[in-house]
Amino acid sequence: MEAIEKLLKKPLWYNILVGIGAFLFLFLLIFFSLGLITGNGKTEKVPSVVGLDISTAKHNLAALGFDVVVQDSIYVDTLARTAVLRQTPDADEVVKKGRTVYLTINRVLAPQIEMPNLVGFSLQSAITYLKVLGLRMGPITLQPDKNKNVVLDQLVNGVRIAPGAKIASGTIINLYIGDGTLSVLEEVPDVVGLTVGNARSLIESAGFVVGNISSGVAIQDTASAFVIAQDPIALSAKLDSLNVPIKNRAPIKTPIHLTIDLTAPIRPLNDSIKN
């Protein structure tokens, strides 16, 4: 009380100066105490833990004074299980000691996905769809079909996979794709009477392939043997308006099966109409 009475007896300007001084003292005291209270000035560079196993990542971060929280988990089939995929703050950021580092890790078990029905999709659409679902595209197999680059079938490990079947994320899907050849019909070449070597050249140049080669006798040099029959044949049993046999047509890449012999067949005189 005496101190207060003494202050009251002082001039007003003196009391104002004392008040200002007390305020500045308290302000400076609080300001410089904040560093001690909050750990101001104690910083640490965040190490990179992406790619490390979660247990190793936690150990490395805790050794530097960081708290660790596993924030999320996703699945990436190409990376190790429980590996760190992302971290926040990022590596090499300078932050206060004791800050929490949030981690996203790789899941241990692959999520199950319903196999879509890709039959009828274009190849490019199927690839995009598989990627969105987290499935992997395997080797494709071309099959004769009138539609080119269209999915004909879908398989996993060589077995057809039905739409809706549950499979693990990252599963490799093999597709059978149409090659478009059945939309193109070509005249079947007539190779009866030719040597096998010449017949093969003619068949392949016409867009077909040589199928099975059979013979009723043992032949060592098949290339010089003669074709005595073929399947499919070059001319059909149907006649046109001029009574000329109509030439057979078949999709390109159709196999033409040959029967051969050591001697050339005797062909009828009217066989020239084929040409």
C-alpha atoms as a PDB file:
ATOM      1  CA  MET A   1       0.000   0.000   0.000  1.00  0.00           C
ATOM      2  CA  GLU A   2       2.812   2.336   0.829  1.00  0.00           C
ATOM      3  CA  ALA A   3       4.405   1.649  -2.556  1.00  0.00           C
ATOM      4  CA  ILE A   4       1.161   2.462  -4.298  1.00  0.00           C
ATOM      5  CA  GLU A   5       0.751   5.645  -2.279  1.00  0.00           C
ATOM      6  CA  LYS A   6       4.282   6.674  -3.209  1.00  0.00           C
ATOM      7  CA  LEU A   7       3.527   6.085  -6.883  1.00  0.00           C
ATOM      8  CA  LEU A   8       0.383   8.147  -6.634  1.00  0.00           C
ATOM      9  CA  LYS A   9       2.413  10.996  -5.204  1.00  0.00           C
ATOM     10  CA  LYS A  10       4.755  10.878  -8.221  1.00  0.00           C
ATOM     11  CA  PRO A  11       4.079  13.071 -11.224  1.00  0.00           C
ATOM     12  CA  LEU A  12       1.826  11.610 -13.913  1.00  0.00           C
ATOM     13  CA  TRP A  13       4.599  11.478 -16.510  1.00  0.00           C
ATOM     14  CA  TYR A  14       6.678   9.367 -14.122  1.00  0.00           C
ATOM     15  CA  ASN A  15       3.907   6.822 -13.663  1.00  0.00           C
ATOM     16  CA  ILE A  16       3.383   6.639 -17.436  1.00  0.00           C
ATOM     17  CA  LEU A  17       7.073   5.888 -17.998  1.00  0.00           C
ATOM     18  CA  VAL A  18       7.020   3.215 -15.304  1.00  0.00           C
ATOM     19  CA  GLY A  19       3.967   1.590 -16.934  1.00  0.00           C
ATOM     20  CA  ILE A  20       5.581   1.614 -20.372  1.00  0.00           C
ATOM     21  CA  GLY A  21       8.764   0.124 -18.952  1.00  0.00           C
ATOM     22  CA  ALA A  22       6.870  -2.652 -17.193  1.00  0.00           C
ATOM     23  CA  PHE A  23       4.970  -3.465 -20.395  1.00  0.00           C
ATOM     24  CA  LEU A  24       8.164  -3.643 -22.462  1.00  0.00           C
ATOM     25  CA  PHE A  25       9.804  -5.867 -19.863  1.00  0.00           C
ATOM     26  CA  LEU A  26       6.904  -8.319 -19.895  1.00  0.00           C
ATOM     27  CA  PHE A  27       6.750  -8.299 -23.700  1.00  0.00           C
ATOM     28  CA  LEU A  28      10.451  -9.049 -24.079  1.00  0.00           C
ATOM     29  CA  LEU A  29      10.272 -11.720 -21.382  1.00  0.00           C
ATOM     30  CA  ILE A  30       7.417 -13.518 -23.143  1.00  0.00           C
ATOM     31  CA  PHE A  31       9.016 -13.115 -26.586  1.00  0.00           C
ATOM     32  CA  PHE A  32      12.332 -14.636 -25.619  1.00  0.00           C
ATOM     33  CA  SER A  33      10.621 -17.357 -23.598  1.00  0.00           C
ATOM     34  CA  LEU A  34       8.712 -18.590 -26.675  1.00  0.00           C
ATOM     35  CA  GLY A  35      11.880 -20.084 -28.103  1.00  0.00           C
ATOM     36  CA  LEU A  36      12.329 -22.175 -24.961  1.00  0.00           C
ATOM     37  CA  ILE A  37       8.662 -23.140 -24.796  1.00  0.00           C
ATOM     38  CA  THR A  38       8.176 -24.092 -28.507  1.00  0.00           C
ATOM     39  CA  GLY A  39      11.679 -25.315 -29.272  1.00  0.00           C
ATOM     40  CA  ASN A  40      12.233 -22.451 -31.677  1.00  0.00           C
ATOM     41  CA  GLY A  41      15.596 -22.745 -33.399  1.00  0.00           C
ATOM     42  CA  LYS A  42      15.719 -26.557 -33.035  1.00  0.00           C
ATOM     43  CA  THR A  43      15.143 -27.798 -36.549  1.00  0.00           C
ATOM     44  CA  GLU A  44      15.910 -30.968 -38.427  1.00  0.00           C
ATOM     45  CA  LYS A  45      16.054 -32.005 -42.082  1.00  0.00           C
ATOM     46  CA  VAL A  46      13.467 -34.667 -42.907  1.00  0.00           C
ATOM     47  CA  PRO A  47      15.193 -37.802 -44.249  1.00  0.00           C
ATOM     48  CA  SER A  48      13.899 -39.700 -47.253  1.00  0.00           C
ATOM     49  CA  VAL A  49      12.112 -42.877 -46.212  1.00  0.00           C
ATOM     50  CA  VAL A  50      10.243 -43.598 -49.456  1.00  0.00           C
ATOM     51  CA  GLY A  51      10.959 -47.155 -50.548  1.00  0.00           C
ATOM     52  CA  LEU A  52      11.979 -48.290 -47.070  1.00  0.00           C
ATOM     53  CA  ASP A  53      10.070 -50.869 -45.061  1.00  0.00           C
ATOM     54  CA  ILE A  54       7.728 -49.189 -42.559  1.00  0.00           C
ATOM     55  CA  SER A  55       9.633 -50.518 -39.534  1.00  0.00           C
ATOM     56  CA  THR A  56      12.933 -49.129 -40.865  1.00  0.00           C
ATOM     57  CA  ALA A  57      11.289 -45.823 -41.761  1.00  0.00           C
ATOM     58  CA  LYS A  58       9.836 -45.444 -38.260  1.00  0.00           C
ATOM     59  CA  HIS A  59      13.212 -46.210 -36.674  1.00  0.00           C
ATOM     60  CA  ASN A  60      15.048 -43.664 -38.840  1.00  0.00           C
ATOM     61  CA  LEU A  61      12.500 -40.911 -38.186  1.00  0.00           C
ATOM     62  CA  ALA A  62      12.243 -41.576 -34.447  1.00  0.00           C
ATOM     63  CA  ALA A  63      16.030 -41.410 -34.138  1.00  0.00           C
ATOM     64  CA  LEU A  64      15.858 -37.808 -35.359  1.00  0.00           C
ATOM     65  CA  GLY A  65      13.058 -36.887 -32.983  1.00  0.00           C
ATOM     66  CA  PHE A  66      10.095 -37.108 -35.364  1.00  0.00           C
ATOM     67  CA  ASP A  67       6.718 -38.616 -34.580  1.00  0.00           C
ATOM     68  CA  VAL A  68       5.357 -41.026 -37.202  1.00  0.00           C
ATOM     69  CA  VAL A  69       1.756 -41.651 -38.287  1.00  0.00           C
ATOM     70  CA  VAL A  70       0.744 -44.130 -41.014  1.00  0.00           C
ATOM     71  CA  GLN A  71      -1.884 -42.047 -42.747  1.00  0.00           C
ATOM     72  CA  ASP A  72      -2.956 -44.341 -45.599  1.00  0.00           C
ATOM     73  CA  SER A  73      -2.202 -47.547 -47.471  1.00  0.00           C
ATOM     74  CA  ILE A  74      -2.596 -48.301 -51.161  1.00  0.00           C
ATOM     75  CA  TYR A  75      -1.557 -51.227 -53.337  1.00  0.00           C
ATOM     76  CA  VAL A  76       1.220 -51.186 -55.930  1.00  0.00           C
ATOM     77  CA  ASP A  77       2.019 -54.679 -57.200  1.00  0.00           C
ATOM     78  CA  THR A  78       5.517 -53.781 -58.416  1.00  0.00           C
ATOM     79  CA  LEU A  79       6.760 -52.647 -54.966  1.00  0.00           C
ATOM     80  CA  ALA A  80       7.535 -54.513 -51.756  1.00  0.00           C
ATOM     81  CA  ARG A  81       4.729 -54.988 -49.253  1.00  0.00           C
ATOM     82  CA  THR A  82       4.691 -52.439 -46.366  1.00  0.00           C
ATOM     83  CA  ALA A  83       7.146 -50.229 -48.261  1.00  0.00           C
ATOM     84  CA  VAL A  84       6.703 -46.474 -47.829  1.00  0.00           C
ATOM     85  CA  LEU A  85       5.158 -44.941 -50.942  1.00  0.00           C
ATOM     86  CA  ARG A  86       4.793 -41.302 -49.886  1.00  0.00           C
ATOM     87  CA  GLN A  87       5.809 -39.058 -46.991  1.00  0.00           C
ATOM     88  CA  THR A  88       4.679 -35.663 -45.713  1.00  0.00           C
ATOM     89  CA  PRO A  89       6.722 -33.465 -45.197  1.00  0.00           C
ATOM     90  CA  ASP A  90       8.830 -34.369 -48.208  1.00  0.00           C
ATOM     91  CA  ALA A  91      12.443 -35.453 -47.929  1.00  0.00           C
ATOM     92  CA  ASP A  92      15.022 -32.701 -47.245  1.00  0.00           C
ATOM     93  CA  GLU A  93      12.436 -30.249 -45.880  1.00  0.00           C
ATOM     94  CA  VAL A  94      13.713 -28.422 -42.786  1.00  0.00           C
ATOM     95  CA  VAL A  95      11.123 -28.534 -39.992  1.00  0.00           C
ATOM     96  CA  LYS A  96      10.949 -28.303 -36.215  1.00  0.00           C
ATOM     97  CA  LYS A  97      12.075 -31.276 -34.216  1.00  0.00           C
ATOM     98  CA  GLY A  98       9.224 -33.379 -32.948  1.00  0.00           C
ATOM     99  CA  ARG A  99       7.019 -32.691 -35.944  1.00  0.00           C
ATOM    100  CA  THR A 100       4.799 -35.554 -37.127  1.00  0.00           C
ATOM    101  CA  VAL A 101       5.730 -37.208 -40.422  1.00  0.00           C
ATOM    102  CA  TYR A 102       2.757 -38.801 -42.196  1.00  0.00           C
ATOM    103  CA  LEU A 103       3.406 -41.927 -44.279  1.00  0.00           C
ATOM    104  CA  THR A 104       1.509 -43.836 -46.994  1.00  0.00           C
ATOM    105  CA  ILE A 105       2.552 -47.477 -47.256  1.00  0.00           C
ATOM    106  CA  ASN A 106       2.014 -50.371 -49.661  1.00  0.00           C
ATOM    107  CA  ARG A 107      -0.695 -52.806 -48.660  1.00  0.00           C
ATOM    108  CA  VAL A 108       0.214 -56.375 -47.736  1.00  0.00           C
ATOM    109  CA  LEU A 109      -2.764 -57.988 -49.486  1.00  0.00           C
ATOM    110  CA  ALA A 110      -3.789 -57.133 -53.027  1.00  0.00           C
ATOM    111  CA  PRO A 111      -7.362 -55.855 -53.317  1.00  0.00           C
ATOM    112  CA  GLN A 112      -9.798 -58.086 -55.194  1.00  0.00           C
ATOM    113  CA  ILE A 113     -11.197 -56.779 -58.462  1.00  0.00           C
ATOM    114  CA  GLU A 114     -14.097 -57.983 -60.600  1.00  0.00           C
ATOM    115  CA  MET A 115     -12.909 -59.056 -64.041  1.00  0.00           C
ATOM    116  CA  PRO A 116     -14.650 -56.903 -66.664  1.00  0.00           C
ATOM    117  CA  ASN A 117     -16.074 -58.262 -69.915  1.00  0.00           C
ATOM    118  CA  LEU A 118     -13.609 -57.005 -72.517  1.00  0.00           C
ATOM    119  CA  VAL A 119     -14.956 -59.092 -75.411  1.00  0.00           C
ATOM    120  CA  GLY A 120     -15.957 -56.721 -78.204  1.00  0.00           C
ATOM    121  CA  PHE A 121     -13.733 -53.887 -76.928  1.00  0.00           C
ATOM    122  CA  SER A 122     -11.084 -52.407 -79.178  1.00  0.00           C
ATOM    123  CA  LEU A 123      -7.555 -53.349 -78.154  1.00  0.00           C
ATOM    124  CA  GLN A 124      -6.722 -49.782 -77.108  1.00  0.00           C
ATOM    125  CA  SER A 125      -9.898 -49.448 -75.014  1.00  0.00           C
ATOM    126  CA  ALA A 126      -9.185 -52.785 -73.321  1.00  0.00           C
ATOM    127  CA  ILE A 127      -5.630 -51.712 -72.434  1.00  0.00           C
ATOM    128  CA  THR A 128      -6.917 -48.443 -70.935  1.00  0.00           C
ATOM    129  CA  TYR A 129      -9.659 -50.229 -68.988  1.00  0.00           C
ATOM    130  CA  LEU A 130      -7.228 -52.770 -67.521  1.00  0.00           C
ATOM    131  CA  LYS A 131      -4.865 -50.007 -66.453  1.00  0.00           C
ATOM    132  CA  VAL A 132      -7.645 -48.080 -64.686  1.00  0.00           C
ATOM    133  CA  LEU A 133      -8.664 -51.224 -62.777  1.00  0.00           C
ATOM    134  CA  GLY A 134      -5.101 -51.977 -61.702  1.00  0.00           C
ATOM    135  CA  LEU A 135      -4.758 -55.067 -63.900  1.00  0.00           C
ATOM    136  CA  ARG A 136      -1.751 -55.753 -66.113  1.00  0.00           C
ATOM    137  CA  MET A 137      -1.746 -56.399 -69.847  1.00  0.00           C
ATOM    138  CA  GLY A 138       0.025 -59.575 -70.936  1.00  0.00           C
ATOM    139  CA  PRO A 139       1.006 -60.791 -74.418  1.00  0.00           C
ATOM    140  CA  ILE A 140      -1.772 -60.737 -77.010  1.00  0.00           C
ATOM    141  CA  THR A 141      -2.585 -63.538 -79.463  1.00  0.00           C
ATOM    142  CA  LEU A 142      -3.875 -62.770 -82.938  1.00  0.00           C
ATOM    143  CA  GLN A 143      -6.699 -64.911 -84.288  1.00  0.00           C
ATOM    144  CA  PRO A 144      -8.389 -64.922 -87.690  1.00  0.00           C
ATOM    145  CA  ASP A 145     -11.505 -62.793 -87.481  1.00  0.00           C
ATOM    146  CA  LYS A 146     -13.342 -60.330 -89.665  1.00  0.00           C
ATOM    147  CA  ASN A 147     -12.851 -57.558 -87.093  1.00  0.00           C
ATOM    148  CA  LYS A 148      -9.355 -56.167 -86.652  1.00  0.00           C
ATOM    149  CA  ASN A 149      -7.951 -55.234 -83.213  1.00  0.00           C
ATOM    150  CA  VAL A 150     -11.117 -56.355 -81.410  1.00  0.00           C
ATOM    151  CA  VAL A 151     -11.000 -58.499 -78.258  1.00  0.00           C
ATOM    152  CA  LEU A 152     -12.261 -62.043 -78.909  1.00  0.00           C
ATOM    153  CA  ASP A 153     -11.435 -63.650 -75.556  1.00  0.00           C
ATOM    154  CA  GLN A 154      -9.751 -62.971 -72.205  1.00  0.00           C
ATOM    155  CA  LEU A 155      -7.551 -65.382 -70.246  1.00  0.00           C
ATOM    156  CA  VAL A 156      -5.543 -65.657 -67.025  1.00  0.00           C
ATOM    157  CA  ASN A 157      -2.709 -68.203 -66.982  1.00  0.00           C
ATOM    158  CA  GLY A 158      -4.066 -69.732 -70.164  1.00  0.00           C
ATOM    159  CA  VAL A 159      -7.588 -70.241 -68.772  1.00  0.00           C
ATOM    160  CA  ARG A 160     -10.570 -68.194 -69.889  1.00  0.00           C
ATOM    161  CA  ILE A 161     -11.633 -65.769 -67.158  1.00  0.00           C
ATOM    162  CA  ALA A 162     -15.343 -65.060 -66.924  1.00  0.00           C
ATOM    163  CA  PRO A 163     -16.646 -61.508 -66.429  1.00  0.00           C
ATOM    164  CA  GLY A 164     -17.333 -60.805 -62.756  1.00  0.00           C
ATOM    165  CA  ALA A 165     -14.766 -63.306 -61.455  1.00  0.00           C
ATOM    166  CA  LYS A 166     -12.720 -62.008 -58.516  1.00  0.00           C
ATOM    167  CA  ILE A 167      -9.017 -61.614 -59.226  1.00  0.00           C
ATOM    168  CA  ALA A 168      -6.175 -59.859 -57.433  1.00  0.00           C
ATOM    169  CA  SER A 169      -5.050 -56.405 -58.448  1.00  0.00           C
ATOM    170  CA  GLY A 170      -1.983 -56.649 -60.662  1.00  0.00           C
ATOM    171  CA  THR A 171      -3.091 -59.915 -62.319  1.00  0.00           C
ATOM    172  CA  ILE A 172      -1.796 -60.346 -65.878  1.00  0.00           C
ATOM    173  CA  ILE A 173      -4.566 -60.591 -68.472  1.00  0.00           C
ATOM    174  CA  ASN A 174      -3.929 -62.208 -71.868  1.00  0.00           C
ATOM    175  CA  LEU A 175      -6.174 -61.215 -74.750  1.00  0.00           C
ATOM    176  CA  TYR A 176      -7.085 -62.897 -78.032  1.00  0.00           C
ATOM    177  CA  ILE A 177      -7.398 -60.211 -80.695  1.00  0.00           C
ATOM    178  CA  GLY A 178      -8.961 -60.411 -84.149  1.00  0.00           C
ATOM    179  CA  ASP A 179      -6.557 -59.803 -87.022  1.00  0.00           C
ATOM    180  CA  GLY A 180      -9.183 -58.727 -89.571  1.00  0.00           C
ATOM    181  CA  THR A 181      -8.176 -61.365 -92.118  1.00  0.00           C
ATOM    182  CA  LEU A 182     -11.625 -62.979 -92.410  1.00  0.00           C
ATOM    183  CA  SER A 183     -12.974 -59.798 -93.955  1.00  0.00           C
ATOM    184  CA  VAL A 184     -10.711 -60.308 -96.976  1.00  0.00           C
ATOM    185  CA  LEU A 185     -11.399 -63.147 -99.422  1.00  0.00           C
ATOM    186  CA  GLU A 186      -8.863 -64.092-102.065  1.00  0.00           C
ATOM    187  CA  GLU A 187      -8.971 -66.574-104.918  1.00  0.00           C
ATOM    188  CA  VAL A 188      -7.540 -69.930-103.886  1.00  0.00           C
ATOM    189  CA  PRO A 189      -4.499 -70.586-106.107  1.00  0.00           C
ATOM    190  CA  ASP A 190      -4.381 -73.743-108.221  1.00  0.00           C
ATOM    191  CA  VAL A 191      -1.160 -75.588-107.341  1.00  0.00           C
ATOM    192  CA  VAL A 192      -1.993 -79.105-108.565  1.00  0.00           C
ATOM    193  CA  GLY A 193       0.773 -80.283-110.885  1.00  0.00           C
ATOM    194  CA  LEU A 194       3.399 -77.932-109.426  1.00  0.00           C
ATOM    195  CA  THR A 195       6.377 -79.041-107.402  1.00  0.00           C
ATOM    196  CA  VAL A 196       6.022 -78.509-103.669  1.00  0.00           C
ATOM    197  CA  GLY A 197       8.624 -75.730-103.774  1.00  0.00           C
ATOM    198  CA  ASN A 198       6.765 -73.831-106.502  1.00  0.00           C
ATOM    199  CA  ALA A 199       3.402 -74.522-104.873  1.00  0.00           C
ATOM    200  CA  ARG A 200       4.633 -73.098-101.576  1.00  0.00           C
ATOM    201  CA  SER A 201       5.821 -69.902-103.275  1.00  0.00           C
ATOM    202  CA  LEU A 202       2.498 -69.451-105.089  1.00  0.00           C
ATOM    203  CA  ILE A 203       0.417 -70.145-101.973  1.00  0.00           C
ATOM    204  CA  GLU A 204       2.360 -67.707 -99.795  1.00  0.00           C
ATOM    205  CA  SER A 205       2.449 -64.979-102.455  1.00  0.00           C
ATOM    206  CA  ALA A 206      -1.364 -65.218-102.672  1.00  0.00           C
ATOM    207  CA  GLY A 207      -1.678 -64.583 -98.935  1.00  0.00           C
ATOM    208  CA  PHE A 208      -2.363 -68.155 -97.846  1.00  0.00           C
ATOM    209  CA  VAL A 209      -0.257 -70.583 -95.820  1.00  0.00           C
ATOM    210  CA  VAL A 210       0.850 -74.135 -96.515  1.00  0.00           C
ATOM    211  CA  GLY A 211      -1.023 -76.590 -94.308  1.00  0.00           C
ATOM    212  CA  ASN A 212      -0.424 -80.309 -93.892  1.00  0.00           C
ATOM    213  CA  ILE A 213       1.600 -82.122 -96.550  1.00  0.00           C
ATOM    214  CA  SER A 214       0.748 -85.801 -96.934  1.00  0.00           C
ATOM    215  CA  SER A 215       1.818 -88.595 -99.296  1.00  0.00           C
ATOM    216  CA  GLY A 216       0.923 -92.202 -99.958  1.00  0.00           C
ATOM    217  CA  VAL A 217       4.560 -93.105-100.492  1.00  0.00           C
ATOM    218  CA  ALA A 218       7.828 -92.349 -98.782  1.00  0.00           C
ATOM    219  CA  ILE A 219       9.394 -89.181-100.216  1.00  0.00           C
ATOM    220  CA  GLN A 220      12.809 -87.966 -99.135  1.00  0.00           C
ATOM    221  CA  ASP A 221      12.959 -84.728-101.147  1.00  0.00           C
ATOM    222  CA  THR A 222       9.490 -83.233-100.732  1.00  0.00           C
ATOM    223  CA  ALA A 223      10.473 -79.929-102.344  1.00  0.00           C
ATOM    224  CA  SER A 224      10.849 -81.594-105.739  1.00  0.00           C
ATOM    225  CA  ALA A 225       7.759 -83.799-105.399  1.00  0.00           C
ATOM    226  CA  PHE A 226       4.542 -82.869-107.211  1.00  0.00           C
ATOM    227  CA  VAL A 227       1.215 -81.721-105.799  1.00  0.00           C
ATOM    228  CA  ILE A 228      -1.519 -84.156-106.894  1.00  0.00           C
ATOM    229  CA  ALA A 229      -4.360 -82.680-104.781  1.00  0.00           C
ATOM    230  CA  GLN A 230      -5.139 -79.673-102.617  1.00  0.00           C
ATOM    231  CA  ASP A 231      -7.706 -78.664-100.009  1.00  0.00           C
ATOM    232  CA  PRO A 232      -9.439 -76.273-100.446  1.00  0.00           C
ATOM    233  CA  ILE A 233      -9.554 -76.776-104.202  1.00  0.00           C
ATOM    234  CA  ALA A 234      -9.126 -73.911-106.641  1.00  0.00           C
ATOM    235  CA  LEU A 235     -12.391 -74.398-108.539  1.00  0.00           C
ATOM    236  CA  SER A 236     -15.831 -75.054-107.084  1.00  0.00           C
ATOM    237  CA  ALA A 237     -18.429 -77.400-108.520  1.00  0.00           C
ATOM    238  CA  LYS A 238     -20.610 -74.402-109.363  1.00  0.00           C
ATOM    239  CA  LEU A 239     -20.669 -73.002-112.913  1.00  0.00           C
ATOM    240  CA  ASP A 240     -21.122 -69.439-114.063  1.00  0.00           C
ATOM    241  CA  SER A 241     -23.388 -68.281-116.907  1.00  0.00           C
ATOM    242  CA  LEU A 242     -20.811 -69.533-119.437  1.00  0.00           C
ATOM    243  CA  ASN A 243     -20.653 -72.974-117.774  1.00  0.00           C
ATOM    244  CA  VAL A 244     -17.180 -72.215-116.461  1.00  0.00           C
ATOM    245  CA  PRO A 245     -16.365 -73.435-112.932  1.00  0.00           C
ATOM    246  CA  ILE A 246     -16.377 -70.597-110.416  1.00  0.00           C
ATOM    247  CA  LYS A 247     -13.091 -69.996-108.628  1.00  0.00           C
ATOM    248  CA  ASN A 248     -13.117 -70.655-104.916  1.00  0.00           C
ATOM    249  CA  ARG A 249     -12.372 -67.761-102.571  1.00  0.00           C
ATOM    250  CA  ALA A 250     -11.178 -68.006 -98.981  1.00  0.00           C
ATOM    251  CA  PRO A 251      -9.898 -65.700 -96.225  1.00  0.00           C
ATOM    252  CA  ILE A 252      -6.216 -64.879 -96.416  1.00  0.00           C
ATOM    253  CA  LYS A 253      -3.973 -66.977 -94.159  1.00  0.00           C
ATOM    254  CA  THR A 254      -6.251 -69.959 -94.737  1.00  0.00           C
ATOM    255  CA  PRO A 255      -4.062 -73.106 -94.745  1.00  0.00           C
ATOM    256  CA  ILE A 256      -4.005 -75.054 -98.003  1.00  0.00           C
ATOM    257  CA  HIS A 257      -3.350 -78.744 -97.386  1.00  0.00           C
ATOM    258  CA  LEU A 258      -1.373 -80.618-100.010  1.00  0.00           C
ATOM    259  CA  THR A 259      -1.183 -84.228-101.167  1.00  0.00           C
ATOM    260  CA  ILE A 260       2.049 -84.995-103.034  1.00  0.00           C
ATOM    261  CA  ASP A 261       3.607 -87.757-105.116  1.00  0.00           C
ATOM    262  CA  LEU A 262       6.843 -88.444-106.928  1.00  0.00           C
ATOM    263  CA  THR A 263       5.210 -88.036-110.361  1.00  0.00           C
ATOM    264  CA  ALA A 264       3.149 -85.180-111.711  1.00  0.00           C
ATOM    265  CA  PRO A 265      -0.580 -85.804-112.162  1.00  0.00           C
ATOM    266  CA  ILE A 266      -2.086 -86.056-115.656  1.00  0.00           C
ATOM    267  CA  ARG A 267      -4.474 -83.194-115.986  1.00  0.00           C
ATOM    268  CA  PRO A 268      -7.478 -83.072-118.339  1.00  0.00           C
ATOM    269  CA  LEU A 269      -7.148 -81.029-121.521  1.00  0.00           C
ATOM    270  CA  ASN A 270      -9.974 -78.722-120.437  1.00  0.00           C
ATOM    271  CA  ASP A 271      -8.050 -77.964-117.263  1.00  0.00           C
ATOM    272  CA  SER A 272      -6.690 -74.872-119.000  1.00  0.00           C
ATOM    273  CA  ILE A 273      -9.943 -73.079-118.348  1.00  0.00           C
ATOM    274  CA  LYS A 274      -8.765 -72.626-114.775  1.00  0.00           C
ATOM    275  CA  ASN A 275      -6.338 -70.034-115.964  1.00  0.00           C
END
